[in-house]
Amino acid sequence: MFTKLFLETTNPNLSWKTFFGLNIFSMIIVSVVFHTILYTSFCNIVSYIFYEKMLSKNINIRLIITLIFIMFFGYIGRLLHVKEAYKDFNYDHHKTQTYVQAHYNSWVFIG
């Protein structure tokens, strides 16, 4: 599911109407919720291992809000970046996809 979402949201021909449509936007919400739970759990486990206590409720709330904000706007930013790269490569879809896959596979995927 997340691979399909990655391919959909890195398609330079994807319209903003389709991006915010029910099909893709619902997958984005599922991805953001899933990864927020995963990253928050990881931070709590690390805190428990090193400090022998879980993060406080206040810190968890801030962490969750921050992660949701970053990941949601990360999808928008990534699509903007892909559309700009598409223009820079003179609307060559293959070069754009090659660039995007090489670029994003070298970074930690957030969202």
PDB file of N, CA and C in Angstrom:
ATOM      1  N   MET A   1       0.823  -1.191   0.000  1.00  0.00           N
ATOM      2  CA  MET A   1       0.000   0.000   0.000  1.00  0.00           C
ATOM      3  C   MET A   1       0.868   1.257   0.000  1.00  0.00           C
ATOM      4  N   PHE A   2       1.919   1.282   0.810  1.00  0.00           N
ATOM      5  CA  PHE A   2       2.755   2.481   0.885  1.00  0.00           C
ATOM      6  C   PHE A   2       3.587   2.658  -0.384  1.00  0.00           C
ATOM      7  N   THR A   3       3.919   1.549  -1.057  1.00  0.00           N
ATOM      8  CA  THR A   3       4.635   1.651  -2.327  1.00  0.00           C
ATOM      9  C   THR A   3       3.751   2.307  -3.373  1.00  0.00           C
ATOM     10  N   LYS A   4       2.488   1.900  -3.410  1.00  0.00           N
ATOM     11  CA  LYS A   4       1.537   2.497  -4.349  1.00  0.00           C
ATOM     12  C   LYS A   4       1.382   3.986  -4.059  1.00  0.00           C
ATOM     13  N   LEU A   5       1.302   4.332  -2.791  1.00  0.00           N
ATOM     14  CA  LEU A   5       1.170   5.740  -2.408  1.00  0.00           C
ATOM     15  C   LEU A   5       2.407   6.527  -2.825  1.00  0.00           C
ATOM     16  N   PHE A   6       3.582   5.955  -2.639  1.00  0.00           N
ATOM     17  CA  PHE A   6       4.819   6.617  -3.055  1.00  0.00           C
ATOM     18  C   PHE A   6       4.806   6.865  -4.559  1.00  0.00           C
ATOM     19  N   LEU A   7       4.443   5.844  -5.322  1.00  0.00           N
ATOM     20  CA  LEU A   7       4.429   5.988  -6.779  1.00  0.00           C
ATOM     21  C   LEU A   7       3.387   7.002  -7.232  1.00  0.00           C
ATOM     22  N   GLU A   8       2.236   7.007  -6.587  1.00  0.00           N
ATOM     23  CA  GLU A   8       1.179   7.970  -6.944  1.00  0.00           C
ATOM     24  C   GLU A   8       1.613   9.399  -6.631  1.00  0.00           C
ATOM     25  N   THR A   9       2.206   9.598  -5.454  1.00  0.00           N
ATOM     26  CA  THR A   9       2.532  10.968  -5.030  1.00  0.00           C
ATOM     27  C   THR A   9       3.871  11.461  -5.572  1.00  0.00           C
ATOM     28  N   THR A  10       4.561  10.621  -6.354  1.00  0.00           N
ATOM     29  CA  THR A  10       5.764  11.086  -7.035  1.00  0.00           C
ATOM     30  C   THR A  10       5.548  11.125  -8.541  1.00  0.00           C
ATOM     31  N   ASN A  11       4.316  11.053  -8.955  1.00  0.00           N
ATOM     32  CA  ASN A  11       3.970  11.164 -10.371  1.00  0.00           C
ATOM     33  C   ASN A  11       3.813  12.647 -10.702  1.00  0.00           C
ATOM     34  N   PRO A  12       4.664  13.204 -11.560  1.00  0.00           N
ATOM     35  CA  PRO A  12       4.584  14.639 -11.849  1.00  0.00           C
ATOM     36  C   PRO A  12       3.308  15.047 -12.571  1.00  0.00           C
ATOM     37  N   ASN A  13       2.611  14.096 -13.160  1.00  0.00           N
ATOM     38  CA  ASN A  13       1.367  14.399 -13.872  1.00  0.00           C
ATOM     39  C   ASN A  13       0.140  14.315 -12.967  1.00  0.00           C
ATOM     40  N   LEU A  14       0.334  14.007 -11.694  1.00  0.00           N
ATOM     41  CA  LEU A  14      -0.775  13.923 -10.750  1.00  0.00           C
ATOM     42  C   LEU A  14      -1.340  15.325 -10.507  1.00  0.00           C
ATOM     43  N   SER A  15      -2.633  15.459 -10.688  1.00  0.00           N
ATOM     44  CA  SER A  15      -3.258  16.771 -10.464  1.00  0.00           C
ATOM     45  C   SER A  15      -3.508  16.964  -8.969  1.00  0.00           C
ATOM     46  N   TRP A  16      -3.619  18.219  -8.583  1.00  0.00           N
ATOM     47  CA  TRP A  16      -3.891  18.521  -7.176  1.00  0.00           C
ATOM     48  C   TRP A  16      -5.283  18.048  -6.788  1.00  0.00           C
ATOM     49  N   LYS A  17      -6.205  18.060  -7.721  1.00  0.00           N
ATOM     50  CA  LYS A  17      -7.562  17.572  -7.444  1.00  0.00           C
ATOM     51  C   LYS A  17      -7.530  16.078  -7.108  1.00  0.00           C
ATOM     52  N   THR A  18      -6.739  15.336  -7.866  1.00  0.00           N
ATOM     53  CA  THR A  18      -6.593  13.903  -7.601  1.00  0.00           C
ATOM     54  C   THR A  18      -5.840  13.671  -6.293  1.00  0.00           C
ATOM     55  N   PHE A  19      -4.809  14.482  -6.048  1.00  0.00           N
ATOM     56  CA  PHE A  19      -4.025  14.359  -4.817  1.00  0.00           C
ATOM     57  C   PHE A  19      -4.924  14.503  -3.586  1.00  0.00           C
ATOM     58  N   PHE A  20      -5.812  15.485  -3.607  1.00  0.00           N
ATOM     59  CA  PHE A  20      -6.707  15.710  -2.473  1.00  0.00           C
ATOM     60  C   PHE A  20      -8.014  14.938  -2.597  1.00  0.00           C
ATOM     61  N   GLY A  21      -8.111  14.083  -3.624  1.00  0.00           N
ATOM     62  CA  GLY A  21      -9.286  13.237  -3.784  1.00  0.00           C
ATOM     63  C   GLY A  21      -9.320  12.152  -2.717  1.00  0.00           C
ATOM     64  N   LEU A  22     -10.467  11.517  -2.612  1.00  0.00           N
ATOM     65  CA  LEU A  22     -10.697  10.529  -1.550  1.00  0.00           C
ATOM     66  C   LEU A  22      -9.718   9.361  -1.616  1.00  0.00           C
ATOM     67  N   ASN A  23      -9.412   8.875  -2.802  1.00  0.00           N
ATOM     68  CA  ASN A  23      -8.567   7.695  -2.946  1.00  0.00           C
ATOM     69  C   ASN A  23      -7.157   7.922  -2.408  1.00  0.00           C
ATOM     70  N   ILE A  24      -6.480   8.930  -2.897  1.00  0.00           N
ATOM     71  CA  ILE A  24      -5.086   9.173  -2.483  1.00  0.00           C
ATOM     72  C   ILE A  24      -5.020   9.803  -1.101  1.00  0.00           C
ATOM     73  N   PHE A  25      -5.896  10.754  -0.835  1.00  0.00           N
ATOM     74  CA  PHE A  25      -5.839  11.440   0.462  1.00  0.00           C
ATOM     75  C   PHE A  25      -6.124  10.487   1.622  1.00  0.00           C
ATOM     76  N   SER A  26      -6.999   9.510   1.412  1.00  0.00           N
ATOM     77  CA  SER A  26      -7.249   8.528   2.473  1.00  0.00           C
ATOM     78  C   SER A  26      -6.010   7.668   2.718  1.00  0.00           C
ATOM     79  N   MET A  27      -5.271   7.332   1.642  1.00  0.00           N
ATOM     80  CA  MET A  27      -4.021   6.575   1.816  1.00  0.00           C
ATOM     81  C   MET A  27      -2.976   7.413   2.551  1.00  0.00           C
ATOM     82  N   ILE A  28      -2.950   8.722   2.283  1.00  0.00           N
ATOM     83  CA  ILE A  28      -2.022   9.617   2.979  1.00  0.00           C
ATOM     84  C   ILE A  28      -2.340   9.640   4.464  1.00  0.00           C
ATOM     85  N   ILE A  29      -3.616   9.743   4.805  1.00  0.00           N
ATOM     86  CA  ILE A  29      -4.021   9.759   6.218  1.00  0.00           C
ATOM     87  C   ILE A  29      -3.621   8.465   6.910  1.00  0.00           C
ATOM     88  N   VAL A  30      -3.861   7.326   6.260  1.00  0.00           N
ATOM     89  CA  VAL A  30      -3.471   6.034   6.849  1.00  0.00           C
ATOM     90  C   VAL A  30      -1.966   5.981   7.053  1.00  0.00           C
ATOM     91  N   SER A  31      -1.202   6.440   6.059  1.00  0.00           N
ATOM     92  CA  SER A  31       0.257   6.437   6.162  1.00  0.00           C
ATOM     93  C   SER A  31       0.738   7.333   7.296  1.00  0.00           C
ATOM     94  N   VAL A  32       0.170   8.520   7.393  1.00  0.00           N
ATOM     95  CA  VAL A  32       0.578   9.460   8.447  1.00  0.00           C
ATOM     96  C   VAL A  32       0.261   8.880   9.826  1.00  0.00           C
ATOM     97  N   VAL A  33      -0.925   8.318   9.995  1.00  0.00           N
ATOM     98  CA  VAL A  33      -1.305   7.732  11.293  1.00  0.00           C
ATOM     99  C   VAL A  33      -0.405   6.545  11.621  1.00  0.00           C
ATOM    100  N   PHE A  34      -0.199   5.651  10.660  1.00  0.00           N
ATOM    101  CA  PHE A  34       0.640   4.479  10.886  1.00  0.00           C
ATOM    102  C   PHE A  34       2.055   4.880  11.287  1.00  0.00           C
ATOM    103  N   HIS A  35       2.656   5.787  10.518  1.00  0.00           N
ATOM    104  CA  HIS A  35       4.031   6.180  10.803  1.00  0.00           C
ATOM    105  C   HIS A  35       4.144   7.009  12.082  1.00  0.00           C
ATOM    106  N   THR A  36       3.132   7.775  12.403  1.00  0.00           N
ATOM    107  CA  THR A  36       3.137   8.519  13.670  1.00  0.00           C
ATOM    108  C   THR A  36       3.145   7.551  14.848  1.00  0.00           C
ATOM    109  N   ILE A  37       2.306   6.538  14.779  1.00  0.00           N
ATOM    110  CA  ILE A  37       2.281   5.526  15.848  1.00  0.00           C
ATOM    111  C   ILE A  37       3.626   4.806  15.927  1.00  0.00           C
ATOM    112  N   LEU A  38       4.170   4.444  14.779  1.00  0.00           N
ATOM    113  CA  LEU A  38       5.450   3.735  14.736  1.00  0.00           C
ATOM    114  C   LEU A  38       6.580   4.576  15.326  1.00  0.00           C
ATOM    115  N   TYR A  39       6.700   5.840  14.898  1.00  0.00           N
ATOM    116  CA  TYR A  39       7.787   6.699  15.371  1.00  0.00           C
ATOM    117  C   TYR A  39       7.622   7.082  16.839  1.00  0.00           C
ATOM    118  N   THR A  40       6.399   7.322  17.260  1.00  0.00           N
ATOM    119  CA  THR A  40       6.154   7.647  18.667  1.00  0.00           C
ATOM    120  C   THR A  40       6.484   6.449  19.554  1.00  0.00           C
ATOM    121  N   SER A  41       6.096   5.268  19.113  1.00  0.00           N
ATOM    122  CA  SER A  41       6.431   4.055  19.868  1.00  0.00           C
ATOM    123  C   SER A  41       7.937   3.867  19.951  1.00  0.00           C
ATOM    124  N   PHE A  42       8.629   4.094  18.854  1.00  0.00           N
ATOM    125  CA  PHE A  42      10.086   3.978  18.834  1.00  0.00           C
ATOM    126  C   PHE A  42      10.727   4.951  19.831  1.00  0.00           C
ATOM    127  N   CYS A  43      10.262   6.195  19.835  1.00  0.00           N
ATOM    128  CA  CYS A  43      10.817   7.191  20.774  1.00  0.00           C
ATOM    129  C   CYS A  43      10.565   6.775  22.220  1.00  0.00           C
ATOM    130  N   ASN A  44       9.386   6.213  22.495  1.00  0.00           N
ATOM    131  CA  ASN A  44       9.079   5.769  23.854  1.00  0.00           C
ATOM    132  C   ASN A  44       9.929   4.565  24.252  1.00  0.00           C
ATOM    133  N   ILE A  45      10.161   3.668  23.319  1.00  0.00           N
ATOM    134  CA  ILE A  45      11.008   2.499  23.608  1.00  0.00           C
ATOM    135  C   ILE A  45      12.439   2.940  23.895  1.00  0.00           C
ATOM    136  N   VAL A  46      12.962   3.860  23.089  1.00  0.00           N
ATOM    137  CA  VAL A  46      14.316   4.369  23.313  1.00  0.00           C
ATOM    138  C   VAL A  46      14.406   5.060  24.668  1.00  0.00           C
ATOM    139  N   SER A  47      13.388   5.847  25.003  1.00  0.00           N
ATOM    140  CA  SER A  47      13.360   6.513  26.305  1.00  0.00           C
ATOM    141  C   SER A  47      13.342   5.488  27.443  1.00  0.00           C
ATOM    142  N   TYR A  48      12.566   4.426  27.266  1.00  0.00           N
ATOM    143  CA  TYR A  48      12.485   3.400  28.297  1.00  0.00           C
ATOM    144  C   TYR A  48      13.821   2.657  28.441  1.00  0.00           C
ATOM    145  N   ILE A  49      14.480   2.389  27.326  1.00  0.00           N
ATOM    146  CA  ILE A  49      15.759   1.673  27.371  1.00  0.00           C
ATOM    147  C   ILE A  49      16.830   2.510  28.077  1.00  0.00           C
ATOM    148  N   PHE A  50      16.918   3.796  27.753  1.00  0.00           N
ATOM    149  CA  PHE A  50      17.993   4.623  28.293  1.00  0.00           C
ATOM    150  C   PHE A  50      17.663   5.281  29.631  1.00  0.00           C
ATOM    151  N   TYR A  51      16.392   5.604  29.867  1.00  0.00           N
ATOM    152  CA  TYR A  51      16.024   6.320  31.089  1.00  0.00           C
ATOM    153  C   TYR A  51      15.087   5.540  32.000  1.00  0.00           C
ATOM    154  N   GLU A  52      14.703   4.351  31.587  1.00  0.00           N
ATOM    155  CA  GLU A  52      13.823   3.465  32.341  1.00  0.00           C
ATOM    156  C   GLU A  52      12.464   4.082  32.646  1.00  0.00           C
ATOM    157  N   LYS A  53      12.003   4.956  31.778  1.00  0.00           N
ATOM    158  CA  LYS A  53      10.651   5.495  31.892  1.00  0.00           C
ATOM    159  C   LYS A  53      10.187   5.947  30.517  1.00  0.00           C
ATOM    160  N   MET A  54       8.890   5.893  30.336  1.00  0.00           N
ATOM    161  CA  MET A  54       8.297   6.326  29.074  1.00  0.00           C
ATOM    162  C   MET A  54       8.255   7.852  29.039  1.00  0.00           C
ATOM    163  N   LEU A  55       8.078   8.392  27.843  1.00  0.00           N
ATOM    164  CA  LEU A  55       7.948   9.840  27.713  1.00  0.00           C
ATOM    165  C   LEU A  55       6.642  10.301  28.362  1.00  0.00           C
ATOM    166  N   SER A  56       6.633  11.506  28.856  1.00  0.00           N
ATOM    167  CA  SER A  56       5.431  12.022  29.517  1.00  0.00           C
ATOM    168  C   SER A  56       4.317  12.245  28.492  1.00  0.00           C
ATOM    169  N   LYS A  57       3.105  12.363  29.009  1.00  0.00           N
ATOM    170  CA  LYS A  57       1.948  12.591  28.147  1.00  0.00           C
ATOM    171  C   LYS A  57       2.116  13.879  27.346  1.00  0.00           C
ATOM    172  N   ASN A  58       2.629  14.919  27.978  1.00  0.00           N
ATOM    173  CA  ASN A  58       2.838  16.204  27.320  1.00  0.00           C
ATOM    174  C   ASN A  58       3.830  16.085  26.164  1.00  0.00           C
ATOM    175  N   ILE A  59       4.918  15.387  26.373  1.00  0.00           N
ATOM    176  CA  ILE A  59       5.915  15.203  25.317  1.00  0.00           C
ATOM    177  C   ILE A  59       5.344  14.356  24.187  1.00  0.00           C
ATOM    178  N   ASN A  60       4.599  13.308  24.524  1.00  0.00           N
ATOM    179  CA  ASN A  60       3.986  12.468  23.499  1.00  0.00           C
ATOM    180  C   ASN A  60       3.005  13.264  22.637  1.00  0.00           C
ATOM    181  N   ILE A  61       2.211  14.114  23.244  1.00  0.00           N
ATOM    182  CA  ILE A  61       1.261  14.932  22.488  1.00  0.00           C
ATOM    183  C   ILE A  61       2.003  15.867  21.538  1.00  0.00           C
ATOM    184  N   ARG A  62       3.054  16.515  22.038  1.00  0.00           N
ATOM    185  CA  ARG A  62       3.843  17.406  21.174  1.00  0.00           C
ATOM    186  C   ARG A  62       4.502  16.631  20.039  1.00  0.00           C
ATOM    187  N   LEU A  63       5.019  15.456  20.354  1.00  0.00           N
ATOM    188  CA  LEU A  63       5.666  14.617  19.349  1.00  0.00           C
ATOM    189  C   LEU A  63       4.666  14.205  18.268  1.00  0.00           C
ATOM    190  N   ILE A  64       3.489  13.783  18.678  1.00  0.00           N
ATOM    191  CA  ILE A  64       2.463  13.356  17.730  1.00  0.00           C
ATOM    192  C   ILE A  64       2.030  14.503  16.824  1.00  0.00           C
ATOM    193  N   ILE A  65       1.769  15.657  17.401  1.00  0.00           N
ATOM    194  CA  ILE A  65       1.359  16.825  16.601  1.00  0.00           C
ATOM    195  C   ILE A  65       2.455  17.219  15.620  1.00  0.00           C
ATOM    196  N   THR A  66       3.698  17.230  16.086  1.00  0.00           N
ATOM    197  CA  THR A  66       4.824  17.593  15.220  1.00  0.00           C
ATOM    198  C   THR A  66       4.980  16.599  14.078  1.00  0.00           C
ATOM    199  N   LEU A  67       4.903  15.312  14.375  1.00  0.00           N
ATOM    200  CA  LEU A  67       5.051  14.292  13.338  1.00  0.00           C
ATOM    201  C   LEU A  67       3.932  14.373  12.303  1.00  0.00           C
ATOM    202  N   ILE A  68       2.702  14.561  12.760  1.00  0.00           N
ATOM    203  CA  ILE A  68       1.574  14.674  11.821  1.00  0.00           C
ATOM    204  C   ILE A  68       1.779  15.874  10.908  1.00  0.00           C
ATOM    205  N   PHE A  69       2.165  16.994  11.473  1.00  0.00           N
ATOM    206  CA  PHE A  69       2.397  18.213  10.689  1.00  0.00           C
ATOM    207  C   PHE A  69       3.493  17.991   9.652  1.00  0.00           C
ATOM    208  N   ILE A  70       4.626  17.449  10.082  1.00  0.00           N
ATOM    209  CA  ILE A  70       5.765  17.232   9.181  1.00  0.00           C
ATOM    210  C   ILE A  70       5.408  16.251   8.071  1.00  0.00           C
ATOM    211  N   MET A  71       4.780  15.150   8.426  1.00  0.00           N
ATOM    212  CA  MET A  71       4.487  14.139   7.419  1.00  0.00           C
ATOM    213  C   MET A  71       3.414  14.596   6.433  1.00  0.00           C
ATOM    214  N   PHE A  72       2.372  15.242   6.917  1.00  0.00           N
ATOM    215  CA  PHE A  72       1.320  15.702   6.011  1.00  0.00           C
ATOM    216  C   PHE A  72       1.864  16.721   5.012  1.00  0.00           C
ATOM    217  N   PHE A  73       2.569  17.718   5.510  1.00  0.00           N
ATOM    218  CA  PHE A  73       3.113  18.719   4.605  1.00  0.00           C
ATOM    219  C   PHE A  73       4.300  18.191   3.806  1.00  0.00           C
ATOM    220  N   GLY A  74       4.891  17.094   4.271  1.00  0.00           N
ATOM    221  CA  GLY A  74       5.944  16.438   3.512  1.00  0.00           C
ATOM    222  C   GLY A  74       5.424  15.863   2.203  1.00  0.00           C
ATOM    223  N   TYR A  75       4.212  15.313   2.215  1.00  0.00           N
ATOM    224  CA  TYR A  75       3.612  14.805   0.987  1.00  0.00           C
ATOM    225  C   TYR A  75       3.378  15.934  -0.007  1.00  0.00           C
ATOM    226  N   ILE A  76       2.884  17.050   0.468  1.00  0.00           N
ATOM    227  CA  ILE A  76       2.651  18.204  -0.404  1.00  0.00           C
ATOM    228  C   ILE A  76       3.982  18.717  -0.952  1.00  0.00           C
ATOM    229  N   GLY A  77       4.974  18.852  -0.075  1.00  0.00           N
ATOM    230  CA  GLY A  77       6.287  19.322  -0.497  1.00  0.00           C
ATOM    231  C   GLY A  77       6.944  18.394  -1.495  1.00  0.00           C
ATOM    232  N   ARG A  78       6.784  17.096  -1.286  1.00  0.00           N
ATOM    233  CA  ARG A  78       7.385  16.134  -2.208  1.00  0.00           C
ATOM    234  C   ARG A  78       6.756  16.249  -3.595  1.00  0.00           C
ATOM    235  N   LEU A  79       5.434  16.391  -3.655  1.00  0.00           N
ATOM    236  CA  LEU A  79       4.785  16.530  -4.952  1.00  0.00           C
ATOM    237  C   LEU A  79       5.205  17.833  -5.635  1.00  0.00           C
ATOM    238  N   LEU A  80       5.318  18.901  -4.872  1.00  0.00           N
ATOM    239  CA  LEU A  80       5.810  20.160  -5.438  1.00  0.00           C
ATOM    240  C   LEU A  80       7.225  19.987  -5.995  1.00  0.00           C
ATOM    241  N   HIS A  81       8.074  19.302  -5.248  1.00  0.00           N
ATOM    242  CA  HIS A  81       9.450  19.058  -5.673  1.00  0.00           C
ATOM    243  C   HIS A  81       9.488  18.239  -6.969  1.00  0.00           C
ATOM    244  N   VAL A  82       8.649  17.220  -7.051  1.00  0.00           N
ATOM    245  CA  VAL A  82       8.604  16.373  -8.244  1.00  0.00           C
ATOM    246  C   VAL A  82       8.119  17.173  -9.451  1.00  0.00           C
ATOM    247  N   LYS A  83       7.120  17.999  -9.253  1.00  0.00           N
ATOM    248  CA  LYS A  83       6.620  18.820 -10.358  1.00  0.00           C
ATOM    249  C   LYS A  83       7.682  19.809 -10.845  1.00  0.00           C
ATOM    250  N   GLU A  84       8.460  20.369  -9.933  1.00  0.00           N
ATOM    251  CA  GLU A  84       9.545  21.279 -10.320  1.00  0.00           C
ATOM    252  C   GLU A  84      10.656  20.530 -11.051  1.00  0.00           C
ATOM    253  N   ALA A  85      10.997  19.340 -10.578  1.00  0.00           N
ATOM    254  CA  ALA A  85      12.015  18.534 -11.255  1.00  0.00           C
ATOM    255  C   ALA A  85      11.545  18.162 -12.660  1.00  0.00           C
ATOM    256  N   TYR A  86      10.269  17.875 -12.795  1.00  0.00           N
ATOM    257  CA  TYR A  86       9.682  17.546 -14.099  1.00  0.00           C
ATOM    258  C   TYR A  86       9.866  18.709 -15.075  1.00  0.00           C
ATOM    259  N   LYS A  87       9.648  19.918 -14.597  1.00  0.00           N
ATOM    260  CA  LYS A  87       9.878  21.103 -15.441  1.00  0.00           C
ATOM    261  C   LYS A  87      11.362  21.247 -15.781  1.00  0.00           C
ATOM    262  N   ASP A  88      12.219  21.045 -14.792  1.00  0.00           N
ATOM    263  CA  ASP A  88      13.664  21.188 -14.997  1.00  0.00           C
ATOM    264  C   ASP A  88      14.219  20.169 -15.990  1.00  0.00           C
ATOM    265  N   PHE A  89      13.614  18.985 -16.040  1.00  0.00           N
ATOM    266  CA  PHE A  89      14.037  17.954 -16.988  1.00  0.00           C
ATOM    267  C   PHE A  89      13.268  18.053 -18.306  1.00  0.00           C
ATOM    268  N   ASN A  90      12.726  19.232 -18.583  1.00  0.00           N
ATOM    269  CA  ASN A  90      11.993  19.500 -19.833  1.00  0.00           C
ATOM    270  C   ASN A  90      10.865  18.507 -20.080  1.00  0.00           C
ATOM    271  N   TYR A  91      10.133  18.221 -19.025  1.00  0.00           N
ATOM    272  CA  TYR A  91       8.946  17.367 -19.080  1.00  0.00           C
ATOM    273  C   TYR A  91       9.248  15.948 -19.547  1.00  0.00           C
ATOM    274  N   ASP A  92      10.425  15.468 -19.199  1.00  0.00           N
ATOM    275  CA  ASP A  92      10.821  14.086 -19.488  1.00  0.00           C
ATOM    276  C   ASP A  92      10.451  13.234 -18.270  1.00  0.00           C
ATOM    277  N   HIS A  93       9.407  12.422 -18.421  1.00  0.00           N
ATOM    278  CA  HIS A  93       8.877  11.636 -17.302  1.00  0.00           C
ATOM    279  C   HIS A  93       9.893  10.610 -16.805  1.00  0.00           C
ATOM    280  N   HIS A  94      10.596   9.955 -17.715  1.00  0.00           N
ATOM    281  CA  HIS A  94      11.562   8.924 -17.326  1.00  0.00           C
ATOM    282  C   HIS A  94      12.713   9.514 -16.506  1.00  0.00           C
ATOM    283  N   LYS A  95      13.276  10.633 -16.955  1.00  0.00           N
ATOM    284  CA  LYS A  95      14.370  11.269 -16.205  1.00  0.00           C
ATOM    285  C   LYS A  95      13.893  11.717 -14.829  1.00  0.00           C
ATOM    286  N   THR A  96      12.676  12.223 -14.775  1.00  0.00           N
ATOM    287  CA  THR A  96      12.125  12.682 -13.492  1.00  0.00           C
ATOM    288  C   THR A  96      11.956  11.515 -12.535  1.00  0.00           C
ATOM    289  N   GLN A  97      11.402  10.407 -12.998  1.00  0.00           N
ATOM    290  CA  GLN A  97      11.207   9.237 -12.141  1.00  0.00           C
ATOM    291  C   GLN A  97      12.542   8.665 -11.675  1.00  0.00           C
ATOM    292  N   THR A  98      13.528   8.631 -12.559  1.00  0.00           N
ATOM    293  CA  THR A  98      14.860   8.141 -12.187  1.00  0.00           C
ATOM    294  C   THR A  98      15.463   9.027 -11.106  1.00  0.00           C
ATOM    295  N   TYR A  99      15.342  10.331 -11.287  1.00  0.00           N
ATOM    296  CA  TYR A  99      15.851  11.291 -10.302  1.00  0.00           C
ATOM    297  C   TYR A  99      15.152  11.118  -8.957  1.00  0.00           C
ATOM    298  N   VAL A 100      13.837  11.033  -8.986  1.00  0.00           N
ATOM    299  CA  VAL A 100      13.064  10.927  -7.746  1.00  0.00           C
ATOM    300  C   VAL A 100      13.408   9.640  -7.004  1.00  0.00           C
ATOM    301  N   GLN A 101      13.469   8.535  -7.718  1.00  0.00           N
ATOM    302  CA  GLN A 101      13.769   7.262  -7.058  1.00  0.00           C
ATOM    303  C   GLN A 101      15.175   7.250  -6.473  1.00  0.00           C
ATOM    304  N   ALA A 102      16.143   7.803  -7.183  1.00  0.00           N
ATOM    305  CA  ALA A 102      17.510   7.859  -6.662  1.00  0.00           C
ATOM    306  C   ALA A 102      17.597   8.815  -5.480  1.00  0.00           C
ATOM    307  N   HIS A 103      16.907   9.930  -5.573  1.00  0.00           N
ATOM    308  CA  HIS A 103      16.944  10.950  -4.523  1.00  0.00           C
ATOM    309  C   HIS A 103      16.269  10.462  -3.245  1.00  0.00           C
ATOM    310  N   TYR A 104      15.077   9.933  -3.363  1.00  0.00           N
ATOM    311  CA  TYR A 104      14.333   9.549  -2.165  1.00  0.00           C
ATOM    312  C   TYR A 104      14.768   8.227  -1.578  1.00  0.00           C
ATOM    313  N   ASN A 105      15.396   7.372  -2.361  1.00  0.00           N
ATOM    314  CA  ASN A 105      15.917   6.134  -1.801  1.00  0.00           C
ATOM    315  C   ASN A 105      17.183   6.366  -0.998  1.00  0.00           C
ATOM    316  N   SER A 106      17.797   7.541  -1.161  1.00  0.00           N
ATOM    317  CA  SER A 106      19.007   7.832  -0.399  1.00  0.00           C
ATOM    318  C   SER A 106      18.705   8.555   0.919  1.00  0.00           C
ATOM    319  N   TRP A 107      17.469   8.956   1.143  1.00  0.00           N
ATOM    320  CA  TRP A 107      17.078   9.656   2.361  1.00  0.00           C
ATOM    321  C   TRP A 107      16.113   8.782   3.158  1.00  0.00           C
ATOM    322  N   VAL A 108      16.015   9.063   4.434  1.00  0.00           N
ATOM    323  CA  VAL A 108      15.050   8.369   5.259  1.00  0.00           C
ATOM    324  C   VAL A 108      13.667   8.850   4.851  1.00  0.00           C
ATOM    325  N   PHE A 109      12.756   7.915   4.574  1.00  0.00           N
ATOM    326  CA  PHE A 109      11.422   8.276   4.130  1.00  0.00           C
ATOM    327  C   PHE A 109      10.562   8.629   5.336  1.00  0.00           C
ATOM    328  N   ILE A 110      10.070   9.866   5.386  1.00  0.00           N
ATOM    329  CA  ILE A 110       9.151  10.289   6.433  1.00  0.00           C
ATOM    330  C   ILE A 110       7.811  10.584   5.769  1.00  0.00           C
ATOM    331  N   GLY A 111       6.821   9.766   5.962  1.00  0.00           N
ATOM    332  CA  GLY A 111       5.530   9.957   5.400  1.00  0.00           C
ATOM    333  C   GLY A 111       5.211   9.102   4.326  1.00  0.00           C
TER     334      GLY A 111
END
